[in-house]
Protein backbone atom coordinates (compact mmCIF):
# COMPACT_ATOMS: atom_id res chain seq x y z
CA MET A 1 110.50 108.86 109.08
CA ILE A 2 107.14 107.91 111.53
CA ARG A 3 108.50 105.62 114.54
CA THR A 4 106.88 102.44 113.88
CA GLN A 5 106.60 99.51 117.03
CA ILE A 6 106.61 96.08 115.86
CA TYR A 7 106.37 92.60 117.73
CA LEU A 8 109.03 89.98 116.85
CA THR A 9 108.78 86.62 117.98
CA ASP A 10 112.20 85.50 120.08
CA GLU A 11 113.71 83.76 116.68
CA GLN A 12 112.51 87.30 114.71
CA ARG A 13 114.81 89.37 117.14
CA GLU A 14 118.00 87.03 117.05
CA GLU A 15 117.66 86.05 113.80
CA LEU A 16 117.13 89.50 113.03
CA ALA A 17 120.40 90.54 115.72
CA VAL A 18 122.40 88.40 113.57
CA ILE A 19 121.68 89.82 110.04
CA ALA A 20 122.48 93.06 111.77
CA GLU A 21 125.51 92.88 113.10
CA HIS A 22 127.11 90.86 109.82
CA ARG A 23 125.87 93.60 107.88
CA GLY A 24 127.78 96.02 109.77
CA LYS A 25 124.13 98.04 110.44
CA LYS A 26 121.60 98.61 112.89
CA GLN A 27 118.38 96.54 113.02
CA SER A 28 115.77 99.31 112.43
CA GLU A 29 118.14 99.75 109.03
CA VAL A 30 117.59 95.95 108.51
CA ILE A 31 114.54 96.30 108.71
CA ARG A 32 113.70 99.06 106.82
CA GLU A 33 115.02 97.15 103.57
CA ALA A 34 112.97 93.97 104.12
CA ILE A 35 109.84 96.02 103.80
CA ASP A 36 111.01 98.25 100.66
CA GLY A 37 112.07 94.25 98.95
CA LEU A 38 108.05 94.07 100.25
CA ILE A 39 106.92 97.13 98.33
CA ASP A 40 108.84 96.47 96.05
CA ARG A 41 108.41 93.05 94.90
CA ALA A 42 104.34 93.85 95.65
CA ARG A 43 104.01 96.56 92.94
CA ARG A 44 105.92 95.09 90.07
CA LYS A 45 102.99 91.94 90.69
CA ARG A 46 100.39 95.16 90.43
CA LYS A 47 101.73 96.46 86.92
CA LYS A 48 102.24 92.36 86.05
CA THR A 49 98.83 91.91 86.74
CA ALA A 50 97.34 95.36 85.25
CA LEU A 51 99.21 94.88 81.81
CA ARG A 52 97.88 91.05 81.39
CA ASP A 53 94.49 92.36 82.93
CA ALA A 54 94.28 94.57 80.13
CA ALA A 55 95.79 92.71 76.95
CA GLY A 56 93.35 91.65 74.28
CA ILE A 57 90.44 94.91 76.07
CA TRP A 58 90.31 95.16 72.23
CA LYS A 59 90.89 92.16 70.49
CA ASN A 60 87.26 92.51 69.82
CA ARG A 61 86.01 95.32 69.70
CA ASP A 62 84.04 96.38 66.09
CA ASP A 63 83.76 99.93 66.13
CA LEU A 64 87.92 100.44 66.13
CA PRO A 65 89.15 101.97 62.43
CA ASP A 66 91.13 100.15 60.44
CA PHE A 67 94.86 101.16 62.53
CA ARG A 68 96.34 98.61 59.77
CA THR A 69 94.77 101.00 56.96
CA MET A 70 95.93 103.95 58.84
CA ARG A 71 99.60 103.13 59.94
CA SER A 72 100.24 102.31 56.33
CA GLU A 73 99.05 105.38 55.23
CA TRP A 74 101.39 107.45 57.82
CA ASP A 75 104.17 105.49 55.98
CA ARG A 76 104.05 107.05 52.88
């Protein structure tokens, strides 16, 4: 692990202490869990954006083979 320093407001520090105590964890563990959640949400959003951007990219192309015909030949 890499040691990182951060600055918190008094309110953030107090709430973090309450959350950590309630969960029976160290404050650093709670911070890491929060960061993991943020990273996970960002990754999912990037994946959704990539899929949305890729949807239909071939729909107006006329230089592609007729896939329906190709598939019907495979089914025989």
